[in-house]
Amino acid sequence: KEGMEYIRQQNVECEPIDKKIRYREDLCIHCGACSAVCFAGALTMVRQSAELSFEPEKCVICELCLKSCPLNLFSIDIG
């Protein structure tokens, strides 16, 4: 919230994101393709288990994971 207030003080219009990324964890094969493109760090590979970890609070809704997943396990939830 502090960041948005600062941006508004700079006369830049901004609104909260009303989108969320949905991820079908149950079907994931943990290939890591999505984590390779996730610059926000919301999608990472856990070294110990070789499994994908998704932290939605870090997600910036760039939608790169939608394009990178070979199984199309990511979708946008609007609203």
Foldseek 3Di string as FASTA:
>chain_A
DVVQVVCVVVVDDDDDAQKFKAFDQVPDPLPCQLVVPQPQNQWDQDVVVSHIHGNRVSDPPPCPSCVRDPVNRMDMDGD
